[in-house]
Amino acid sequence: MPAGEYVYLRAAFGEVPGFLYACNSFVLGGASIAAYGAAVAIFVSDIHTFDKQWFVHTVHLFGSDYGLQFGRAS
């Protein structure tokens, strides 16, 4: 979060608008990074086809086996 924008809004409009801007910037900033990641994943899946399961890993933890799989569900 750019601190200069928060300081400017706090000085110009008060504590509440500055705080709301900081919270909004934090939430929407993270959401935009997630949207970029989803867009890249969709683009890559259009130009490169993957198998059904392209990553499979089994972890043995506390006497149980847990599987981690990435790929298409169908």
PDB file of N, CA and C in Angstrom:
ATOM      1  N   MET A   1       0.849  -1.172   0.000  1.00  0.00           N
ATOM      2  CA  MET A   1       0.000   0.000   0.000  1.00  0.00           C
ATOM      3  C   MET A   1       0.891   1.231   0.000  1.00  0.00           C
ATOM      4  N   PRO A   2       0.678   2.111  -0.917  1.00  0.00           N
ATOM      5  CA  PRO A   2       1.444   3.362  -0.904  1.00  0.00           C
ATOM      6  C   PRO A   2       1.061   4.205   0.303  1.00  0.00           C
ATOM      7  N   ALA A   3       2.020   4.488   1.136  1.00  0.00           N
ATOM      8  CA  ALA A   3       1.740   5.215   2.370  1.00  0.00           C
ATOM      9  C   ALA A   3       1.426   6.682   2.102  1.00  0.00           C
ATOM     10  N   GLY A   4       1.942   7.232   1.024  1.00  0.00           N
ATOM     11  CA  GLY A   4       1.706   8.636   0.719  1.00  0.00           C
ATOM     12  C   GLY A   4       0.249   8.953   0.482  1.00  0.00           C
ATOM     13  N   GLU A   5      -0.465   8.048  -0.182  1.00  0.00           N
ATOM     14  CA  GLU A   5      -1.885   8.283  -0.438  1.00  0.00           C
ATOM     15  C   GLU A   5      -2.685   8.260   0.859  1.00  0.00           C
ATOM     16  N   TYR A   6      -2.343   7.338   1.754  1.00  0.00           N
ATOM     17  CA  TYR A   6      -3.025   7.275   3.054  1.00  0.00           C
ATOM     18  C   TYR A   6      -2.787   8.553   3.848  1.00  0.00           C
ATOM     19  N   VAL A   7      -1.550   9.006   3.884  1.00  0.00           N
ATOM     20  CA  VAL A   7      -1.215  10.218   4.654  1.00  0.00           C
ATOM     21  C   VAL A   7      -1.941  11.427   4.072  1.00  0.00           C
ATOM     22  N   TYR A   8      -1.979  11.531   2.750  1.00  0.00           N
ATOM     23  CA  TYR A   8      -2.674  12.651   2.105  1.00  0.00           C
ATOM     24  C   TYR A   8      -4.162  12.627   2.439  1.00  0.00           C
ATOM     25  N   LEU A   9      -4.808  11.467   2.295  1.00  0.00           N
ATOM     26  CA  LEU A   9      -6.241  11.376   2.578  1.00  0.00           C
ATOM     27  C   LEU A   9      -6.536  11.635   4.053  1.00  0.00           C
ATOM     28  N   ARG A  10      -5.682  11.158   4.948  1.00  0.00           N
ATOM     29  CA  ARG A  10      -5.881  11.397   6.373  1.00  0.00           C
ATOM     30  C   ARG A  10      -5.761  12.878   6.705  1.00  0.00           C
ATOM     31  N   ALA A  11      -4.776  13.544   6.091  1.00  0.00           N
ATOM     32  CA  ALA A  11      -4.588  14.965   6.367  1.00  0.00           C
ATOM     33  C   ALA A  11      -5.705  15.802   5.744  1.00  0.00           C
ATOM     34  N   ALA A  12      -6.173  15.412   4.566  1.00  0.00           N
ATOM     35  CA  ALA A  12      -7.172  16.218   3.862  1.00  0.00           C
ATOM     36  C   ALA A  12      -8.595  15.972   4.352  1.00  0.00           C
ATOM     37  N   PHE A  13      -8.934  14.711   4.646  1.00  0.00           N
ATOM     38  CA  PHE A  13     -10.331  14.376   4.931  1.00  0.00           C
ATOM     39  C   PHE A  13     -10.577  13.791   6.314  1.00  0.00           C
ATOM     40  N   GLY A  14      -9.520  13.446   7.050  1.00  0.00           N
ATOM     41  CA  GLY A  14      -9.703  12.920   8.398  1.00  0.00           C
ATOM     42  C   GLY A  14      -9.290  11.459   8.522  1.00  0.00           C
ATOM     43  N   GLU A  15      -9.431  10.970   9.747  1.00  0.00           N
ATOM     44  CA  GLU A  15      -8.987   9.611  10.073  1.00  0.00           C
ATOM     45  C   GLU A  15      -9.825   8.528   9.392  1.00  0.00           C
ATOM     46  N   VAL A  16     -11.137   8.688   9.375  1.00  0.00           N
ATOM     47  CA  VAL A  16     -12.009   7.630   8.858  1.00  0.00           C
ATOM     48  C   VAL A  16     -11.799   7.404   7.361  1.00  0.00           C
ATOM     49  N   PRO A  17     -11.811   8.426   6.508  1.00  0.00           N
ATOM     50  CA  PRO A  17     -11.554   8.161   5.089  1.00  0.00           C
ATOM     51  C   PRO A  17     -10.159   7.578   4.829  1.00  0.00           C
ATOM     52  N   GLY A  18      -9.169   8.019   5.611  1.00  0.00           N
ATOM     53  CA  GLY A  18      -7.835   7.451   5.461  1.00  0.00           C
ATOM     54  C   GLY A  18      -7.807   5.981   5.821  1.00  0.00           C
ATOM     55  N   PHE A  19      -8.467   5.623   6.921  1.00  0.00           N
ATOM     56  CA  PHE A  19      -8.543   4.233   7.344  1.00  0.00           C
ATOM     57  C   PHE A  19      -9.304   3.384   6.330  1.00  0.00           C
ATOM     58  N   LEU A  20     -10.436   3.890   5.849  1.00  0.00           N
ATOM     59  CA  LEU A  20     -11.217   3.141   4.864  1.00  0.00           C
ATOM     60  C   LEU A  20     -10.431   2.932   3.574  1.00  0.00           C
ATOM     61  N   TYR A  21      -9.667   3.943   3.162  1.00  0.00           N
ATOM     62  CA  TYR A  21      -8.832   3.787   1.968  1.00  0.00           C
ATOM     63  C   TYR A  21      -7.782   2.699   2.184  1.00  0.00           C
ATOM     64  N   ALA A  22      -7.143   2.692   3.363  1.00  0.00           N
ATOM     65  CA  ALA A  22      -6.104   1.702   3.650  1.00  0.00           C
ATOM     66  C   ALA A  22      -6.682   0.294   3.643  1.00  0.00           C
ATOM     67  N   CYS A  23      -7.841   0.104   4.263  1.00  0.00           N
ATOM     68  CA  CYS A  23      -8.481  -1.217   4.273  1.00  0.00           C
ATOM     69  C   CYS A  23      -8.887  -1.643   2.870  1.00  0.00           C
ATOM     70  N   ASN A  24      -9.472  -0.726   2.121  1.00  0.00           N
ATOM     71  CA  ASN A  24      -9.895  -1.011   0.762  1.00  0.00           C
ATOM     72  C   ASN A  24      -8.700  -1.357  -0.118  1.00  0.00           C
ATOM     73  N   SER A  25      -7.623  -0.634   0.028  1.00  0.00           N
ATOM     74  CA  SER A  25      -6.424  -0.886  -0.756  1.00  0.00           C
ATOM     75  C   SER A  25      -5.843  -2.264  -0.428  1.00  0.00           C
ATOM     76  N   PHE A  26      -5.873  -2.632   0.839  1.00  0.00           N
ATOM     77  CA  PHE A  26      -5.346  -3.928   1.256  1.00  0.00           C
ATOM     78  C   PHE A  26      -6.173  -5.068   0.675  1.00  0.00           C
ATOM     79  N   VAL A  27      -7.501  -4.974   0.772  1.00  0.00           N
ATOM     80  CA  VAL A  27      -8.382  -6.042   0.294  1.00  0.00           C
ATOM     81  C   VAL A  27      -8.356  -6.135  -1.228  1.00  0.00           C
ATOM     82  N   LEU A  28      -8.525  -5.013  -1.904  1.00  0.00           N
ATOM     83  CA  LEU A  28      -8.569  -5.038  -3.359  1.00  0.00           C
ATOM     84  C   LEU A  28      -7.205  -5.301  -3.971  1.00  0.00           C
ATOM     85  N   GLY A  29      -6.143  -4.915  -3.296  1.00  0.00           N
ATOM     86  CA  GLY A  29      -4.810  -5.206  -3.796  1.00  0.00           C
ATOM     87  C   GLY A  29      -4.561  -6.702  -3.855  1.00  0.00           C
ATOM     88  N   GLY A  30      -4.964  -7.418  -2.816  1.00  0.00           N
ATOM     89  CA  GLY A  30      -4.832  -8.874  -2.807  1.00  0.00           C
ATOM     90  C   GLY A  30      -5.733  -9.539  -3.827  1.00  0.00           C
ATOM     91  N   ALA A  31      -6.926  -9.006  -3.997  1.00  0.00           N
ATOM     92  CA  ALA A  31      -7.855  -9.582  -4.972  1.00  0.00           C
ATOM     93  C   ALA A  31      -7.343  -9.396  -6.393  1.00  0.00           C
ATOM     94  N   SER A  32      -6.689  -8.281  -6.664  1.00  0.00           N
ATOM     95  CA  SER A  32      -6.183  -8.071  -8.025  1.00  0.00           C
ATOM     96  C   SER A  32      -5.043  -9.038  -8.330  1.00  0.00           C
ATOM     97  N   ILE A  33      -4.215  -9.356  -7.350  1.00  0.00           N
ATOM     98  CA  ILE A  33      -3.149 -10.334  -7.574  1.00  0.00           C
ATOM     99  C   ILE A  33      -3.748 -11.710  -7.854  1.00  0.00           C
ATOM    100  N   ALA A  34      -4.793 -12.079  -7.136  1.00  0.00           N
ATOM    101  CA  ALA A  34      -5.463 -13.356  -7.385  1.00  0.00           C
ATOM    102  C   ALA A  34      -6.095 -13.381  -8.778  1.00  0.00           C
ATOM    103  N   ALA A  35      -6.665 -12.259  -9.197  1.00  0.00           N
ATOM    104  CA  ALA A  35      -7.255 -12.191 -10.542  1.00  0.00           C
ATOM    105  C   ALA A  35      -6.193 -12.317 -11.617  1.00  0.00           C
ATOM    106  N   TYR A  36      -5.029 -11.707 -11.402  1.00  0.00           N
ATOM    107  CA  TYR A  36      -3.925 -11.864 -12.361  1.00  0.00           C
ATOM    108  C   TYR A  36      -3.493 -13.319 -12.445  1.00  0.00           C
ATOM    109  N   GLY A  37      -3.406 -13.993 -11.313  1.00  0.00           N
ATOM    110  CA  GLY A  37      -3.024 -15.407 -11.310  1.00  0.00           C
ATOM    111  C   GLY A  37      -4.035 -16.273 -12.038  1.00  0.00           C
ATOM    112  N   ALA A  38      -5.319 -16.018 -11.830  1.00  0.00           N
ATOM    113  CA  ALA A  38      -6.352 -16.782 -12.522  1.00  0.00           C
ATOM    114  C   ALA A  38      -6.304 -16.524 -14.019  1.00  0.00           C
ATOM    115  N   ALA A  39      -6.075 -15.282 -14.419  1.00  0.00           N
ATOM    116  CA  ALA A  39      -5.993 -14.961 -15.848  1.00  0.00           C
ATOM    117  C   ALA A  39      -4.800 -15.655 -16.499  1.00  0.00           C
ATOM    118  N   VAL A  40      -3.671 -15.679 -15.817  1.00  0.00           N
ATOM    119  CA  VAL A  40      -2.492 -16.366 -16.363  1.00  0.00           C
ATOM    120  C   VAL A  40      -2.758 -17.857 -16.482  1.00  0.00           C
ATOM    121  N   ALA A  41      -3.404 -18.460 -15.471  1.00  0.00           N
ATOM    122  CA  ALA A  41      -3.709 -19.888 -15.525  1.00  0.00           C
ATOM    123  C   ALA A  41      -4.644 -20.219 -16.688  1.00  0.00           C
ATOM    124  N   ILE A  42      -5.634 -19.381 -16.921  1.00  0.00           N
ATOM    125  CA  ILE A  42      -6.556 -19.612 -18.035  1.00  0.00           C
ATOM    126  C   ILE A  42      -5.828 -19.466 -19.360  1.00  0.00           C
ATOM    127  N   PHE A  43      -4.974 -18.462 -19.486  1.00  0.00           N
ATOM    128  CA  PHE A  43      -4.219 -18.251 -20.721  1.00  0.00           C
ATOM    129  C   PHE A  43      -3.282 -19.417 -20.999  1.00  0.00           C
ATOM    130  N   VAL A  44      -2.564 -19.865 -19.985  1.00  0.00           N
ATOM    131  CA  VAL A  44      -1.623 -20.971 -20.174  1.00  0.00           C
ATOM    132  C   VAL A  44      -2.377 -22.250 -20.533  1.00  0.00           C
ATOM    133  N   SER A  45      -3.542 -22.477 -19.933  1.00  0.00           N
ATOM    134  CA  SER A  45      -4.303 -23.688 -20.261  1.00  0.00           C
ATOM    135  C   SER A  45      -4.830 -23.654 -21.692  1.00  0.00           C
ATOM    136  N   ASP A  46      -4.990 -22.470 -22.276  1.00  0.00           N
ATOM    137  CA  ASP A  46      -5.416 -22.384 -23.676  1.00  0.00           C
ATOM    138  C   ASP A  46      -4.288 -22.716 -24.647  1.00  0.00           C
ATOM    139  N   ILE A  47      -3.050 -22.405 -24.277  1.00  0.00           N
ATOM    140  CA  ILE A  47      -1.954 -22.637 -25.217  1.00  0.00           C
ATOM    141  C   ILE A  47      -1.178 -23.912 -24.918  1.00  0.00           C
ATOM    142  N   HIS A  48      -1.364 -24.498 -23.738  1.00  0.00           N
ATOM    143  CA  HIS A  48      -0.666 -25.724 -23.384  1.00  0.00           C
ATOM    144  C   HIS A  48      -1.646 -26.652 -22.678  1.00  0.00           C
ATOM    145  N   THR A  49      -1.916 -27.803 -23.262  1.00  0.00           N
ATOM    146  CA  THR A  49      -2.848 -28.732 -22.637  1.00  0.00           C
ATOM    147  C   THR A  49      -2.112 -29.614 -21.636  1.00  0.00           C
ATOM    148  N   PHE A  50      -2.725 -29.830 -20.523  1.00  0.00           N
ATOM    149  CA  PHE A  50      -2.178 -30.690 -19.483  1.00  0.00           C
ATOM    150  C   PHE A  50      -2.961 -31.992 -19.438  1.00  0.00           C
ATOM    151  N   ASP A  51      -2.343 -33.031 -18.878  1.00  0.00           N
ATOM    152  CA  ASP A  51      -3.049 -34.285 -18.670  1.00  0.00           C
ATOM    153  C   ASP A  51      -4.067 -34.109 -17.559  1.00  0.00           C
ATOM    154  N   LYS A  52      -4.831 -35.196 -17.311  1.00  0.00           N
ATOM    155  CA  LYS A  52      -5.822 -35.105 -16.241  1.00  0.00           C
ATOM    156  C   LYS A  52      -5.164 -34.762 -14.913  1.00  0.00           C
ATOM    157  N   GLN A  53      -4.178 -35.527 -14.515  1.00  0.00           N
ATOM    158  CA  GLN A  53      -3.452 -35.266 -13.277  1.00  0.00           C
ATOM    159  C   GLN A  53      -2.024 -34.911 -13.644  1.00  0.00           C
ATOM    160  N   TRP A  54      -1.639 -33.673 -13.487  1.00  0.00           N
ATOM    161  CA  TRP A  54      -0.298 -33.272 -13.877  1.00  0.00           C
ATOM    162  C   TRP A  54       0.648 -33.148 -12.696  1.00  0.00           C
ATOM    163  N   PHE A  55       0.139 -33.300 -11.474  1.00  0.00           N
ATOM    164  CA  PHE A  55       1.004 -33.341 -10.298  1.00  0.00           C
ATOM    165  C   PHE A  55       0.322 -34.179  -9.241  1.00  0.00           C
ATOM    166  N   VAL A  56       1.004 -35.229  -8.771  1.00  0.00           N
ATOM    167  CA  VAL A  56       0.482 -36.089  -7.717  1.00  0.00           C
ATOM    168  C   VAL A  56       1.597 -36.295  -6.701  1.00  0.00           C
ATOM    169  N   HIS A  57       1.277 -36.076  -5.439  1.00  0.00           N
ATOM    170  CA  HIS A  57       2.268 -36.253  -4.369  1.00  0.00           C
ATOM    171  C   HIS A  57       1.558 -36.839  -3.156  1.00  0.00           C
ATOM    172  N   THR A  58       2.167 -37.850  -2.544  1.00  0.00           N
ATOM    173  CA  THR A  58       1.609 -38.469  -1.347  1.00  0.00           C
ATOM    174  C   THR A  58       2.488 -38.135  -0.158  1.00  0.00           C
ATOM    175  N   VAL A  59       1.862 -37.705   0.921  1.00  0.00           N
ATOM    176  CA  VAL A  59       2.572 -37.342   2.140  1.00  0.00           C
ATOM    177  C   VAL A  59       2.170 -38.309   3.241  1.00  0.00           C
ATOM    178  N   HIS A  60       3.153 -38.899   3.919  1.00  0.00           N
ATOM    179  CA  HIS A  60       2.894 -39.770   5.063  1.00  0.00           C
ATOM    180  C   HIS A  60       3.058 -38.935   6.324  1.00  0.00           C
ATOM    181  N   LEU A  61       1.936 -38.713   7.030  1.00  0.00           N
ATOM    182  CA  LEU A  61       1.941 -37.824   8.183  1.00  0.00           C
ATOM    183  C   LEU A  61       1.164 -38.459   9.328  1.00  0.00           C
ATOM    184  N   PHE A  62       1.829 -38.672  10.462  1.00  0.00           N
ATOM    185  CA  PHE A  62       1.209 -39.223  11.663  1.00  0.00           C
ATOM    186  C   PHE A  62       0.506 -40.560  11.409  1.00  0.00           C
ATOM    187  N   GLY A  63       1.135 -41.407  10.634  1.00  0.00           N
ATOM    188  CA  GLY A  63       0.599 -42.739  10.382  1.00  0.00           C
ATOM    189  C   GLY A  63      -0.471 -42.807   9.310  1.00  0.00           C
ATOM    190  N   SER A  64      -0.766 -41.708   8.649  1.00  0.00           N
ATOM    191  CA  SER A  64      -1.770 -41.699   7.578  1.00  0.00           C
ATOM    192  C   SER A  64      -1.142 -41.171   6.295  1.00  0.00           C
ATOM    193  N   ASP A  65      -1.699 -41.610   5.188  1.00  0.00           N
ATOM    194  CA  ASP A  65      -1.246 -41.118   3.893  1.00  0.00           C
ATOM    195  C   ASP A  65      -2.239 -40.097   3.361  1.00  0.00           C
ATOM    196  N   TYR A  66      -1.712 -38.956   2.944  1.00  0.00           N
ATOM    197  CA  TYR A  66      -2.529 -37.892   2.373  1.00  0.00           C
ATOM    198  C   TYR A  66      -2.048 -37.630   0.954  1.00  0.00           C
ATOM    199  N   GLY A  67      -2.986 -37.559   0.028  1.00  0.00           N
ATOM    200  CA  GLY A  67      -2.632 -37.314  -1.365  1.00  0.00           C
ATOM    201  C   GLY A  67      -2.907 -35.885  -1.772  1.00  0.00           C
ATOM    202  N   LEU A  68      -1.984 -35.329  -2.534  1.00  0.00           N
ATOM    203  CA  LEU A  68      -2.128 -33.983  -3.074  1.00  0.00           C
ATOM    204  C   LEU A  68      -2.092 -34.105  -4.589  1.00  0.00           C
ATOM    205  N   GLN A  69      -3.167 -33.698  -5.245  1.00  0.00           N
ATOM    206  CA  GLN A  69      -3.265 -33.843  -6.690  1.00  0.00           C
ATOM    207  C   GLN A  69      -3.696 -32.527  -7.303  1.00  0.00           C
ATOM    208  N   PHE A  70      -3.036 -32.168  -8.390  1.00  0.00           N
ATOM    209  CA  PHE A  70      -3.425 -31.000  -9.179  1.00  0.00           C
ATOM    210  C   PHE A  70      -3.757 -31.452 -10.581  1.00  0.00           C
ATOM    211  N   GLY A  71      -4.753 -30.867 -11.161  1.00  0.00           N
ATOM    212  CA  GLY A  71      -5.173 -31.188 -12.515  1.00  0.00           C
ATOM    213  C   GLY A  71      -6.682 -31.070 -12.637  1.00  0.00           C
ATOM    214  N   ARG A  72      -7.175 -31.522 -13.750  1.00  0.00           N
ATOM    215  CA  ARG A  72      -8.607 -31.451 -13.992  1.00  0.00           C
ATOM    216  C   ARG A  72      -9.340 -32.481 -13.171  1.00  0.00           C
ATOM    217  N   ALA A  73     -10.542 -32.144 -12.750  1.00  0.00           N
ATOM    218  CA  ALA A  73     -11.341 -33.053 -11.933  1.00  0.00           C
ATOM    219  C   ALA A  73     -12.004 -34.132 -12.785  1.00  0.00           C
ATOM    220  N   SER A  74     -12.316 -33.830 -14.016  1.00  0.00           N
ATOM    221  CA  SER A  74     -13.028 -34.805 -14.833  1.00  0.00           C
ATOM    222  C   SER A  74     -12.111 -35.678 -15.629  1.00  0.00           C
TER     223      SER A  74
END
